[in-house]
Full PDB file with SEQRES, HELIX, SHEET, SSBOND, CRYST1, ORIGX, SCALE, CONECT and MASTER records, all heavy atoms in Angstrom:
SEQRES   1 A   41  GLY LEU THR ASP VAL VAL LYS THR THR ILE TYR VAL ALA          
SEQRES   2 A   41  SER SER ARG ARG GLU ASP LEU VAL THR ALA TRP ASP VAL          
SEQRES   3 A   41  VAL ARG SER GLN PHE GLY GLU HIS ASP ALA PRO SER THR          
SEQRES   4 A   41  LEU LEU                                                      
HELIX    1 AA1 LEU A    2  ASP A    4  5                                   3    
HELIX    2 AA2 ARG A   17  PHE A   31  1                                  15    
SHEET    1 AA1 2 THR A   8  ILE A  10  0                                        
SHEET    2 AA1 2 SER A  38  LEU A  40  1                                        
CRYST1    1.000    1.000    1.000  90.00  90.00  90.00 P 1           1          
ORIGX1      1.000000  0.000000  0.000000        0.00000                         
ORIGX2      0.000000  1.000000  0.000000        0.00000                         
ORIGX3      0.000000  0.000000  1.000000        0.00000                         
SCALE1      1.000000  0.000000  0.000000        0.00000                         
SCALE2      0.000000  1.000000  0.000000        0.00000                         
SCALE3      0.000000  0.000000  1.000000        0.00000                         
ATOM      1  N   GLY A   1       2.506  59.563 -23.152  1.00  0.00           N  
ATOM      2  CA  GLY A   1       1.833  59.308 -21.878  1.00  0.00           C  
ATOM      3  C   GLY A   1       1.482  57.832 -21.777  1.00  0.00           C  
ATOM      4  O   GLY A   1       1.772  57.043 -22.697  1.00  0.00           O  
ATOM      5  N   LEU A   2       0.851  57.463 -20.708  1.00  0.00           N  
ATOM      6  CA  LEU A   2       0.491  56.042 -20.536  1.00  0.00           C  
ATOM      7  C   LEU A   2      -0.418  55.527 -21.601  1.00  0.00           C  
ATOM      8  O   LEU A   2      -0.375  54.347 -21.969  1.00  0.00           O  
ATOM      9  CB  LEU A   2      -0.102  55.818 -19.135  1.00  0.00           C  
ATOM     10  CG  LEU A   2       0.856  55.971 -17.963  1.00  0.00           C  
ATOM     11  CD1 LEU A   2       0.150  55.690 -16.642  1.00  0.00           C  
ATOM     12  CD2 LEU A   2       2.077  55.079 -18.093  1.00  0.00           C  
ATOM     13  N   THR A   3      -1.297  56.369 -22.155  1.00  0.00           N  
ATOM     14  CA  THR A   3      -2.217  55.899 -23.188  1.00  0.00           C  
ATOM     15  C   THR A   3      -1.500  55.694 -24.533  1.00  0.00           C  
ATOM     16  O   THR A   3      -2.078  55.138 -25.463  1.00  0.00           O  
ATOM     17  CB  THR A   3      -3.370  56.871 -23.410  1.00  0.00           C  
ATOM     18  OG1 THR A   3      -2.867  58.140 -23.699  1.00  0.00           O  
ATOM     19  CG2 THR A   3      -4.274  56.918 -22.162  1.00  0.00           C  
ATOM     20  N   ASP A   4      -0.228  56.064 -24.609  1.00  0.00           N  
ATOM     21  CA  ASP A   4       0.582  55.785 -25.787  1.00  0.00           C  
ATOM     22  C   ASP A   4       1.376  54.505 -25.680  1.00  0.00           C  
ATOM     23  O   ASP A   4       2.071  54.086 -26.615  1.00  0.00           O  
ATOM     24  CB  ASP A   4       1.567  56.945 -26.034  1.00  0.00           C  
ATOM     25  CG  ASP A   4       0.862  58.275 -26.281  1.00  0.00           C  
ATOM     26  OD1 ASP A   4      -0.040  58.298 -27.142  1.00  0.00           O  
ATOM     27  OD2 ASP A   4       1.180  59.254 -25.575  1.00  0.00           O  
ATOM     28  N   VAL A   5       1.303  53.880 -24.531  1.00  0.00           N  
ATOM     29  CA  VAL A   5       2.092  52.650 -24.270  1.00  0.00           C  
ATOM     30  C   VAL A   5       1.497  51.482 -25.074  1.00  0.00           C  
ATOM     31  O   VAL A   5       0.298  51.224 -25.039  1.00  0.00           O  
ATOM     32  CB  VAL A   5       2.161  52.317 -22.766  1.00  0.00           C  
ATOM     33  CG1 VAL A   5       2.721  50.930 -22.527  1.00  0.00           C  
ATOM     34  CG2 VAL A   5       2.987  53.390 -22.064  1.00  0.00           C  
ATOM     35  N   VAL A   6       2.383  50.786 -25.761  1.00  0.00           N  
ATOM     36  CA  VAL A   6       2.013  49.620 -26.562  1.00  0.00           C  
ATOM     37  C   VAL A   6       2.206  48.339 -25.778  1.00  0.00           C  
ATOM     38  O   VAL A   6       1.483  47.376 -25.947  1.00  0.00           O  
ATOM     39  CB  VAL A   6       2.840  49.573 -27.872  1.00  0.00           C  
ATOM     40  CG1 VAL A   6       2.503  48.357 -28.710  1.00  0.00           C  
ATOM     41  CG2 VAL A   6       2.640  50.842 -28.678  1.00  0.00           C  
ATOM     42  N   LYS A   7       3.220  48.292 -24.896  1.00  0.00           N  
ATOM     43  CA  LYS A   7       3.543  47.072 -24.135  1.00  0.00           C  
ATOM     44  C   LYS A   7       4.363  47.419 -22.909  1.00  0.00           C  
ATOM     45  O   LYS A   7       5.153  48.353 -22.949  1.00  0.00           O  
ATOM     46  CB  LYS A   7       4.331  46.088 -25.000  1.00  0.00           C  
ATOM     47  CG  LYS A   7       4.616  44.784 -24.263  1.00  0.00           C  
ATOM     48  CD  LYS A   7       5.472  43.845 -25.060  1.00  0.00           C  
ATOM     49  CE  LYS A   7       5.630  42.492 -24.393  1.00  0.00           C  
ATOM     50  NZ  LYS A   7       5.918  42.494 -22.983  1.00  0.00           N  
ATOM     51  N   THR A   8       4.135  46.696 -21.835  1.00  0.00           N  
ATOM     52  CA  THR A   8       4.974  46.795 -20.651  1.00  0.00           C  
ATOM     53  C   THR A   8       5.533  45.456 -20.260  1.00  0.00           C  
ATOM     54  O   THR A   8       4.993  44.401 -20.619  1.00  0.00           O  
ATOM     55  CB  THR A   8       4.173  47.359 -19.426  1.00  0.00           C  
ATOM     56  OG1 THR A   8       3.154  46.450 -19.080  1.00  0.00           O  
ATOM     57  CG2 THR A   8       3.608  48.741 -19.698  1.00  0.00           C  
ATOM     58  N   THR A   9       6.632  45.517 -19.509  1.00  0.00           N  
ATOM     59  CA  THR A   9       7.193  44.328 -18.867  1.00  0.00           C  
ATOM     60  C   THR A   9       7.452  44.734 -17.428  1.00  0.00           C  
ATOM     61  O   THR A   9       8.041  45.767 -17.142  1.00  0.00           O  
ATOM     62  CB  THR A   9       8.500  43.890 -19.541  1.00  0.00           C  
ATOM     63  OG1 THR A   9       8.262  43.674 -20.942  1.00  0.00           O  
ATOM     64  CG2 THR A   9       8.987  42.574 -18.929  1.00  0.00           C  
ATOM     65  N   ILE A  10       6.969  43.894 -16.512  1.00  0.00           N  
ATOM     66  CA  ILE A  10       7.066  44.148 -15.085  1.00  0.00           C  
ATOM     67  C   ILE A  10       7.897  43.016 -14.454  1.00  0.00           C  
ATOM     68  O   ILE A  10       7.542  41.840 -14.578  1.00  0.00           O  
ATOM     69  CB  ILE A  10       5.686  44.187 -14.408  1.00  0.00           C  
ATOM     70  CG1 ILE A  10       4.791  45.197 -15.130  1.00  0.00           C  
ATOM     71  CG2 ILE A  10       5.786  44.466 -12.905  1.00  0.00           C  
ATOM     72  CD1 ILE A  10       3.321  44.953 -14.926  1.00  0.00           C  
ATOM     73  N   TYR A  11       8.978  43.406 -13.823  1.00  0.00           N  
ATOM     74  CA  TYR A  11       9.861  42.446 -13.163  1.00  0.00           C  
ATOM     75  C   TYR A  11       9.718  42.594 -11.641  1.00  0.00           C  
ATOM     76  O   TYR A  11       9.752  43.718 -11.143  1.00  0.00           O  
ATOM     77  CB  TYR A  11      11.312  42.708 -13.512  1.00  0.00           C  
ATOM     78  CG  TYR A  11      11.602  42.684 -14.994  1.00  0.00           C  
ATOM     79  CD1 TYR A  11      11.532  43.861 -15.752  1.00  0.00           C  
ATOM     80  CD2 TYR A  11      11.946  41.498 -15.646  1.00  0.00           C  
ATOM     81  CE1 TYR A  11      11.781  43.828 -17.119  1.00  0.00           C  
ATOM     82  CE2 TYR A  11      12.208  41.483 -17.017  1.00  0.00           C  
ATOM     83  CZ  TYR A  11      12.131  42.670 -17.721  1.00  0.00           C  
ATOM     84  OH  TYR A  11      12.382  42.621 -19.086  1.00  0.00           O  
ATOM     85  N   VAL A  12       9.563  41.464 -10.966  1.00  0.00           N  
ATOM     86  CA  VAL A  12       9.448  41.495  -9.505  1.00  0.00           C  
ATOM     87  C   VAL A  12      10.449  40.482  -8.966  1.00  0.00           C  
ATOM     88  O   VAL A  12      10.404  39.319  -9.332  1.00  0.00           O  
ATOM     89  CB  VAL A  12       8.010  41.122  -9.034  1.00  0.00           C  
ATOM     90  CG1 VAL A  12       7.903  41.198  -7.512  1.00  0.00           C  
ATOM     91  CG2 VAL A  12       6.980  42.017  -9.684  1.00  0.00           C  
ATOM     92  N   ALA A  13      11.332  40.936  -8.082  1.00  0.00           N  
ATOM     93  CA  ALA A  13      12.342  40.064  -7.507  1.00  0.00           C  
ATOM     94  C   ALA A  13      11.714  39.257  -6.386  1.00  0.00           C  
ATOM     95  O   ALA A  13      11.882  39.562  -5.204  1.00  0.00           O  
ATOM     96  CB  ALA A  13      13.546  40.868  -7.032  1.00  0.00           C  
ATOM     97  N   SER A  14      11.003  38.198  -6.790  1.00  0.00           N  
ATOM     98  CA  SER A  14      10.320  37.346  -5.822  1.00  0.00           C  
ATOM     99  C   SER A  14       9.833  36.089  -6.517  1.00  0.00           C  
ATOM    100  O   SER A  14       9.531  36.125  -7.701  1.00  0.00           O  
ATOM    101  CB  SER A  14       9.093  38.070  -5.212  1.00  0.00           C  
ATOM    102  OG  SER A  14       8.398  37.237  -4.329  1.00  0.00           O  
ATOM    103  N   SER A  15       9.773  35.057  -5.765  1.00  0.00           N  
ATOM    104  CA  SER A  15       9.172  33.799  -6.274  1.00  0.00           C  
ATOM    105  C   SER A  15       7.759  33.603  -5.704  1.00  0.00           C  
ATOM    106  O   SER A  15       7.147  32.607  -5.973  1.00  0.00           O  
ATOM    107  CB  SER A  15      10.037  32.582  -5.900  1.00  0.00           C  
ATOM    108  OG  SER A  15      10.140  32.483  -4.494  1.00  0.00           O  
ATOM    109  N   ARG A  16       7.282  34.618  -4.956  1.00  0.00           N  
ATOM    110  CA  ARG A  16       5.946  34.550  -4.389  1.00  0.00           C  
ATOM    111  C   ARG A  16       4.946  35.195  -5.348  1.00  0.00           C  
ATOM    112  O   ARG A  16       5.028  36.365  -5.674  1.00  0.00           O  
ATOM    113  CB  ARG A  16       5.911  35.254  -3.045  1.00  0.00           C  
ATOM    114  CG  ARG A  16       6.803  34.604  -1.989  1.00  0.00           C  
ATOM    115  CD  ARG A  16       6.646  35.272  -0.662  1.00  0.00           C  
ATOM    116  NE  ARG A  16       5.243  35.520  -0.428  1.00  0.00           N  
ATOM    117  CZ  ARG A  16       4.780  36.490   0.355  1.00  0.00           C  
ATOM    118  NH1 ARG A  16       5.594  37.344   0.928  1.00  0.00           N  
ATOM    119  NH2 ARG A  16       3.486  36.643   0.525  1.00  0.00           N  
ATOM    120  N   ARG A  17       3.946  34.453  -5.737  1.00  0.00           N  
ATOM    121  CA  ARG A  17       2.937  34.941  -6.653  1.00  0.00           C  
ATOM    122  C   ARG A  17       2.222  36.159  -6.060  1.00  0.00           C  
ATOM    123  O   ARG A  17       1.874  37.073  -6.771  1.00  0.00           O  
ATOM    124  CB  ARG A  17       1.930  33.820  -6.972  1.00  0.00           C  
ATOM    125  CG  ARG A  17       0.866  34.258  -7.956  1.00  0.00           C  
ATOM    126  CD  ARG A  17       0.072  33.122  -8.538  1.00  0.00           C  
ATOM    127  NE  ARG A  17       0.836  32.527  -9.632  1.00  0.00           N  
ATOM    128  CZ  ARG A  17       1.339  31.284  -9.628  1.00  0.00           C  
ATOM    129  NH1 ARG A  17       1.124  30.501  -8.590  1.00  0.00           N  
ATOM    130  NH2 ARG A  17       2.008  30.832 -10.621  1.00  0.00           N  
ATOM    131  N   GLU A  18       2.021  36.165  -4.738  1.00  0.00           N  
ATOM    132  CA  GLU A  18       1.368  37.305  -4.087  1.00  0.00           C  
ATOM    133  C   GLU A  18       2.138  38.612  -4.357  1.00  0.00           C  
ATOM    134  O   GLU A  18       1.516  39.668  -4.545  1.00  0.00           O  
ATOM    135  CB  GLU A  18       1.259  37.085  -2.557  1.00  0.00           C  
ATOM    136  CG  GLU A  18       0.463  35.876  -2.179  1.00  0.00           C  
ATOM    137  CD  GLU A  18       1.302  34.577  -2.179  1.00  0.00           C  
ATOM    138  OE1 GLU A  18       2.547  34.619  -2.168  1.00  0.00           O  
ATOM    139  OE2 GLU A  18       0.683  33.505  -2.244  1.00  0.00           O  
ATOM    140  N   ASP A  19       3.455  38.557  -4.357  1.00  0.00           N  
ATOM    141  CA  ASP A  19       4.249  39.753  -4.635  1.00  0.00           C  
ATOM    142  C   ASP A  19       4.069  40.210  -6.085  1.00  0.00           C  
ATOM    143  O   ASP A  19       3.959  41.404  -6.352  1.00  0.00           O  
ATOM    144  CB  ASP A  19       5.735  39.495  -4.349  1.00  0.00           C  
ATOM    145  CG  ASP A  19       6.027  39.322  -2.866  1.00  0.00           C  
ATOM    146  OD1 ASP A  19       5.225  39.765  -2.040  1.00  0.00           O  
ATOM    147  OD2 ASP A  19       7.069  38.688  -2.554  1.00  0.00           O  
ATOM    148  N   LEU A  20       4.019  39.265  -7.020  1.00  0.00           N  
ATOM    149  CA  LEU A  20       3.809  39.595  -8.413  1.00  0.00           C  
ATOM    150  C   LEU A  20       2.437  40.273  -8.589  1.00  0.00           C  
ATOM    151  O   LEU A  20       2.297  41.284  -9.252  1.00  0.00           O  
ATOM    152  CB  LEU A  20       3.912  38.377  -9.302  1.00  0.00           C  
ATOM    153  CG  LEU A  20       5.332  38.012  -9.745  1.00  0.00           C  
ATOM    154  CD1 LEU A  20       6.150  37.462  -8.585  1.00  0.00           C  
ATOM    155  CD2 LEU A  20       5.277  36.997 -10.854  1.00  0.00           C  
ATOM    156  N   VAL A  21       1.404  39.703  -7.956  1.00  0.00           N  
ATOM    157  CA  VAL A  21       0.052  40.262  -8.056  1.00  0.00           C  
ATOM    158  C   VAL A  21       0.010  41.634  -7.404  1.00  0.00           C  
ATOM    159  O   VAL A  21      -0.637  42.553  -7.951  1.00  0.00           O  
ATOM    160  CB  VAL A  21      -0.958  39.298  -7.389  1.00  0.00           C  
ATOM    161  CG1 VAL A  21      -2.336  39.973  -7.264  1.00  0.00           C  
ATOM    162  CG2 VAL A  21      -1.088  38.013  -8.199  1.00  0.00           C  
ATOM    163  N   THR A  22       0.715  41.857  -6.339  1.00  0.00           N  
ATOM    164  CA  THR A  22       0.736  43.170  -5.701  1.00  0.00           C  
ATOM    165  C   THR A  22       1.322  44.203  -6.656  1.00  0.00           C  
ATOM    166  O   THR A  22       0.751  45.296  -6.830  1.00  0.00           O  
ATOM    167  CB  THR A  22       1.567  43.118  -4.396  1.00  0.00           C  
ATOM    168  OG1 THR A  22       0.904  42.262  -3.468  1.00  0.00           O  
ATOM    169  CG2 THR A  22       1.756  44.501  -3.784  1.00  0.00           C  
ATOM    170  N   ALA A  23       2.453  43.898  -7.262  1.00  0.00           N  
ATOM    171  CA  ALA A  23       3.055  44.845  -8.211  1.00  0.00           C  
ATOM    172  C   ALA A  23       2.115  45.043  -9.414  1.00  0.00           C  
ATOM    173  O   ALA A  23       1.905  46.163  -9.871  1.00  0.00           O  
ATOM    174  CB  ALA A  23       4.413  44.299  -8.674  1.00  0.00           C  
ATOM    175  N   TRP A  24       1.535  43.962  -9.917  1.00  0.00           N  
ATOM    176  CA  TRP A  24       0.621  44.046 -11.055  1.00  0.00           C  
ATOM    177  C   TRP A  24      -0.558  44.981 -10.759  1.00  0.00           C  
ATOM    178  O   TRP A  24      -0.900  45.826 -11.571  1.00  0.00           O  
ATOM    179  CB  TRP A  24       0.099  42.667 -11.418  1.00  0.00           C  
ATOM    180  CG  TRP A  24      -0.963  42.676 -12.448  1.00  0.00           C  
ATOM    181  CD1 TRP A  24      -2.299  42.580 -12.247  1.00  0.00           C  
ATOM    182  CD2 TRP A  24      -0.796  42.820 -13.838  1.00  0.00           C  
ATOM    183  NE1 TRP A  24      -2.962  42.643 -13.420  1.00  0.00           N  
ATOM    184  CE2 TRP A  24      -2.053  42.795 -14.438  1.00  0.00           C  
ATOM    185  CE3 TRP A  24       0.341  42.935 -14.660  1.00  0.00           C  
ATOM    186  CZ2 TRP A  24      -2.248  42.912 -15.806  1.00  0.00           C  
ATOM    187  CZ3 TRP A  24       0.135  43.063 -16.035  1.00  0.00           C  
ATOM    188  CH2 TRP A  24      -1.114  43.037 -16.573  1.00  0.00           C  
ATOM    189  N   ASP A  25      -1.139  44.831  -9.563  1.00  0.00           N  
ATOM    190  CA  ASP A  25      -2.288  45.658  -9.210  1.00  0.00           C  
ATOM    191  C   ASP A  25      -1.953  47.139  -9.218  1.00  0.00           C  
ATOM    192  O   ASP A  25      -2.731  47.992  -9.669  1.00  0.00           O  
ATOM    193  CB  ASP A  25      -2.843  45.230  -7.851  1.00  0.00           C  
ATOM    194  CG  ASP A  25      -3.569  43.900  -7.903  1.00  0.00           C  
ATOM    195  OD1 ASP A  25      -3.906  43.422  -8.996  1.00  0.00           O  
ATOM    196  OD2 ASP A  25      -3.786  43.311  -6.819  1.00  0.00           O  
ATOM    197  N   VAL A  26      -0.772  47.486  -8.722  1.00  0.00           N  
ATOM    198  CA  VAL A  26      -0.330  48.891  -8.719  1.00  0.00           C  
ATOM    199  C   VAL A  26      -0.190  49.396 -10.150  1.00  0.00           C  
ATOM    200  O   VAL A  26      -0.684  50.453 -10.488  1.00  0.00           O  
ATOM    201  CB  VAL A  26       0.988  49.045  -7.936  1.00  0.00           C  
ATOM    202  CG1 VAL A  26       1.580  50.441  -8.158  1.00  0.00           C  
ATOM    203  CG2 VAL A  26       0.781  48.770  -6.456  1.00  0.00           C  
ATOM    204  N   VAL A  27       0.491  48.608 -10.987  1.00  0.00           N  
ATOM    205  CA  VAL A  27       0.744  49.041 -12.373  1.00  0.00           C  
ATOM    206  C   VAL A  27      -0.589  49.184 -13.116  1.00  0.00           C  
ATOM    207  O   VAL A  27      -0.848  50.177 -13.770  1.00  0.00           O  
ATOM    208  CB  VAL A  27       1.691  48.060 -13.075  1.00  0.00           C  
ATOM    209  CG1 VAL A  27       1.799  48.390 -14.564  1.00  0.00           C  
ATOM    210  CG2 VAL A  27       3.054  48.098 -12.419  1.00  0.00           C  
ATOM    211  N   ARG A  28      -1.451  48.180 -13.033  1.00  0.00           N  
ATOM    212  CA  ARG A  28      -2.708  48.219 -13.779  1.00  0.00           C  
ATOM    213  C   ARG A  28      -3.573  49.406 -13.314  1.00  0.00           C  
ATOM    214  O   ARG A  28      -4.281  50.007 -14.140  1.00  0.00           O  
ATOM    215  CB  ARG A  28      -3.479  46.910 -13.577  1.00  0.00           C  
ATOM    216  CG  ARG A  28      -2.921  45.737 -14.310  1.00  0.00           C  
ATOM    217  CD  ARG A  28      -2.770  45.893 -15.817  1.00  0.00           C  
ATOM    218  NE  ARG A  28      -3.917  46.500 -16.445  1.00  0.00           N  
ATOM    219  CZ  ARG A  28      -3.842  47.423 -17.407  1.00  0.00           C  
ATOM    220  NH1 ARG A  28      -2.663  47.812 -17.874  1.00  0.00           N  
ATOM    221  NH2 ARG A  28      -4.908  47.954 -17.942  1.00  0.00           N  
ATOM    222  N   SER A  29      -3.521  49.721 -12.033  1.00  0.00           N  
ATOM    223  CA  SER A  29      -4.356  50.848 -11.558  1.00  0.00           C  
ATOM    224  C   SER A  29      -3.924  52.140 -12.193  1.00  0.00           C  
ATOM    225  O   SER A  29      -4.731  53.029 -12.407  1.00  0.00           O  
ATOM    226  CB  SER A  29      -4.294  50.937 -10.022  1.00  0.00           C  
ATOM    227  OG  SER A  29      -3.051  51.415  -9.596  1.00  0.00           O  
ATOM    228  N   GLN A  30      -2.652  52.292 -12.510  1.00  0.00           N  
ATOM    229  CA  GLN A  30      -2.152  53.508 -13.145  1.00  0.00           C  
ATOM    230  C   GLN A  30      -2.559  53.621 -14.601  1.00  0.00           C  
ATOM    231  O   GLN A  30      -2.703  54.722 -15.117  1.00  0.00           O  
ATOM    232  CB  GLN A  30      -0.634  53.571 -13.024  1.00  0.00           C  
ATOM    233  CG  GLN A  30      -0.145  53.656 -11.606  1.00  0.00           C  
ATOM    234  CD  GLN A  30      -0.594  54.908 -10.892  1.00  0.00           C  
ATOM    235  OE1 GLN A  30      -0.391  56.000 -11.405  1.00  0.00           O  
ATOM    236  NE2 GLN A  30      -1.206  54.739  -9.752  1.00  0.00           N  
ATOM    237  N   PHE A  31      -2.753  52.508 -15.262  1.00  0.00           N  
ATOM    238  CA  PHE A  31      -3.104  52.501 -16.694  1.00  0.00           C  
ATOM    239  C   PHE A  31      -4.594  52.652 -16.920  1.00  0.00           C  
ATOM    240  O   PHE A  31      -5.016  52.970 -18.028  1.00  0.00           O  
ATOM    241  CB  PHE A  31      -2.583  51.243 -17.389  1.00  0.00           C  
ATOM    242  CG  PHE A  31      -1.153  51.342 -17.781  1.00  0.00           C  
ATOM    243  CD1 PHE A  31      -0.162  50.976 -16.906  1.00  0.00           C  
ATOM    244  CD2 PHE A  31      -0.796  51.809 -19.033  1.00  0.00           C  
ATOM    245  CE1 PHE A  31       1.177  51.083 -17.276  1.00  0.00           C  
ATOM    246  CE2 PHE A  31       0.526  51.911 -19.423  1.00  0.00           C  
ATOM    247  CZ  PHE A  31       1.512  51.546 -18.526  1.00  0.00           C  
ATOM    248  N   GLY A  32      -5.406  52.424 -15.912  1.00  0.00           N  
ATOM    249  CA  GLY A  32      -6.869  52.576 -16.078  1.00  0.00           C  
ATOM    250  C   GLY A  32      -7.416  51.692 -17.193  1.00  0.00           C  
ATOM    251  O   GLY A  32      -7.112  50.509 -17.256  1.00  0.00           O  
ATOM    252  N   GLU A  33      -8.186  52.300 -18.075  1.00  0.00           N  
ATOM    253  CA  GLU A  33      -8.824  51.532 -19.188  1.00  0.00           C  
ATOM    254  C   GLU A  33      -7.858  51.123 -20.258  1.00  0.00           C  
ATOM    255  O   GLU A  33      -8.179  50.294 -21.101  1.00  0.00           O  
ATOM    256  CB  GLU A  33      -9.971  52.389 -19.787  1.00  0.00           C  
ATOM    257  CG  GLU A  33     -11.115  52.633 -18.852  1.00  0.00           C  
ATOM    258  CD  GLU A  33     -11.814  51.369 -18.439  1.00  0.00           C  
ATOM    259  OE1 GLU A  33     -12.110  50.526 -19.299  1.00  0.00           O  
ATOM    260  OE2 GLU A  33     -12.041  51.186 -17.210  1.00  0.00           O  
ATOM    261  N   HIS A  34      -6.675  51.715 -20.302  1.00  0.00           N  
ATOM    262  CA  HIS A  34      -5.682  51.401 -21.346  1.00  0.00           C  
ATOM    263  C   HIS A  34      -4.928  50.142 -20.894  1.00  0.00           C  
ATOM    264  O   HIS A  34      -3.867  50.221 -20.260  1.00  0.00           O  
ATOM    265  CB  HIS A  34      -4.751  52.570 -21.535  1.00  0.00           C  
ATOM    266  CG  HIS A  34      -3.792  52.366 -22.658  1.00  0.00           C  
ATOM    267  ND1 HIS A  34      -4.175  52.398 -23.985  1.00  0.00           N  
ATOM    268  CD2 HIS A  34      -2.476  52.102 -22.694  1.00  0.00           C  
ATOM    269  CE1 HIS A  34      -3.143  52.164 -24.776  1.00  0.00           C  
ATOM    270  NE2 HIS A  34      -2.092  51.995 -23.983  1.00  0.00           N  
ATOM    271  N   ASP A  35      -5.503  48.993 -21.192  1.00  0.00           N  
ATOM    272  CA  ASP A  35      -4.944  47.720 -20.724  1.00  0.00           C  
ATOM    273  C   ASP A  35      -3.986  47.121 -21.760  1.00  0.00           C  
ATOM    274  O   ASP A  35      -4.238  46.031 -22.293  1.00  0.00           O  
ATOM    275  CB  ASP A  35      -6.054  46.762 -20.340  1.00  0.00           C  
ATOM    276  CG  ASP A  35      -7.043  46.464 -21.459  1.00  0.00           C  
ATOM    277  OD1 ASP A  35      -7.019  47.156 -22.503  1.00  0.00           O  
ATOM    278  OD2 ASP A  35      -7.846  45.516 -21.294  1.00  0.00           O  
ATOM    279  N   ALA A  36      -2.921  47.819 -22.015  1.00  0.00           N  
ATOM    280  CA  ALA A  36      -1.908  47.387 -23.005  1.00  0.00           C  
ATOM    281  C   ALA A  36      -1.361  46.010 -22.648  1.00  0.00           C  
ATOM    282  O   ALA A  36      -1.340  45.612 -21.486  1.00  0.00           O  
ATOM    283  CB  ALA A  36      -0.761  48.388 -23.047  1.00  0.00           C  
ATOM    284  N   PRO A  37      -0.950  45.233 -23.668  1.00  0.00           N  
ATOM    285  CA  PRO A  37      -0.321  43.945 -23.378  1.00  0.00           C  
ATOM    286  C   PRO A  37       0.848  44.131 -22.415  1.00  0.00           C  
ATOM    287  O   PRO A  37       1.564  45.128 -22.449  1.00  0.00           O  
ATOM    288  CB  PRO A  37       0.208  43.488 -24.755  1.00  0.00           C  
ATOM    289  CG  PRO A  37      -0.644  44.203 -25.740  1.00  0.00           C  
ATOM    290  CD  PRO A  37      -0.943  45.533 -25.099  1.00  0.00           C  
ATOM    291  N   SER A  38       1.010  43.152 -21.541  1.00  0.00           N  
ATOM    292  CA  SER A  38       2.047  43.209 -20.543  1.00  0.00           C  
ATOM    293  C   SER A  38       2.562  41.820 -20.210  1.00  0.00           C  
ATOM    294  O   SER A  38       1.802  40.846 -20.293  1.00  0.00           O  
ATOM    295  CB  SER A  38       1.506  43.881 -19.263  1.00  0.00           C  
ATOM    296  OG  SER A  38       2.554  44.110 -18.339  1.00  0.00           O  
ATOM    297  N   THR A  39       3.803  41.765 -19.788  1.00  0.00           N  
ATOM    298  CA  THR A  39       4.394  40.548 -19.306  1.00  0.00           C  
ATOM    299  C   THR A  39       4.810  40.802 -17.845  1.00  0.00           C  
ATOM    300  O   THR A  39       5.432  41.818 -17.548  1.00  0.00           O  
ATOM    301  CB  THR A  39       5.636  40.151 -20.141  1.00  0.00           C  
ATOM    302  OG1 THR A  39       5.183  39.938 -21.497  1.00  0.00           O  
ATOM    303  CG2 THR A  39       6.249  38.865 -19.620  1.00  0.00           C  
ATOM    304  N   LEU A  40       4.460  39.865 -16.978  1.00  0.00           N  
ATOM    305  CA  LEU A  40       4.779  39.965 -15.555  1.00  0.00           C  
ATOM    306  C   LEU A  40       5.712  38.801 -15.202  1.00  0.00           C  
ATOM    307  O   LEU A  40       5.344  37.615 -15.461  1.00  0.00           O  
ATOM    308  CB  LEU A  40       3.472  39.870 -14.725  1.00  0.00           C  
ATOM    309  CG  LEU A  40       3.576  39.797 -13.215  1.00  0.00           C  
ATOM    310  CD1 LEU A  40       4.218  41.073 -12.662  1.00  0.00           C  
ATOM    311  CD2 LEU A  40       2.205  39.571 -12.604  1.00  0.00           C  
ATOM    312  N   LEU A  41       6.879  39.113 -14.655  1.00  0.00           N  
ATOM    313  CA  LEU A  41       7.872  38.095 -14.395  1.00  0.00           C  
ATOM    314  C   LEU A  41       8.373  38.144 -12.942  1.00  0.00           C  
ATOM    315  O   LEU A  41       8.624  39.227 -12.426  1.00  0.00           O  
ATOM    316  CB  LEU A  41       9.099  38.298 -15.276  1.00  0.00           C  
ATOM    317  CG  LEU A  41       8.899  38.293 -16.777  1.00  0.00           C  
ATOM    318  CD1 LEU A  41      10.091  38.901 -17.478  1.00  0.00           C  
ATOM    319  CD2 LEU A  41       8.667  36.875 -17.238  1.00  0.00           C  
TER     320      LEU A  41                                                      
MASTER        0    0    0    2    2    0    0    6  319    1    0    4          
END                                                                             
């Protein structure tokens, strides 16, 4: 499950920081308190 996740990588096909933050907010909301290391690109 998500609480077993050790690391994520999130790819967003955009050069706009706002789009990256939008995707990030959705992903983080799903993980709740389990804030595993992540890379956002």
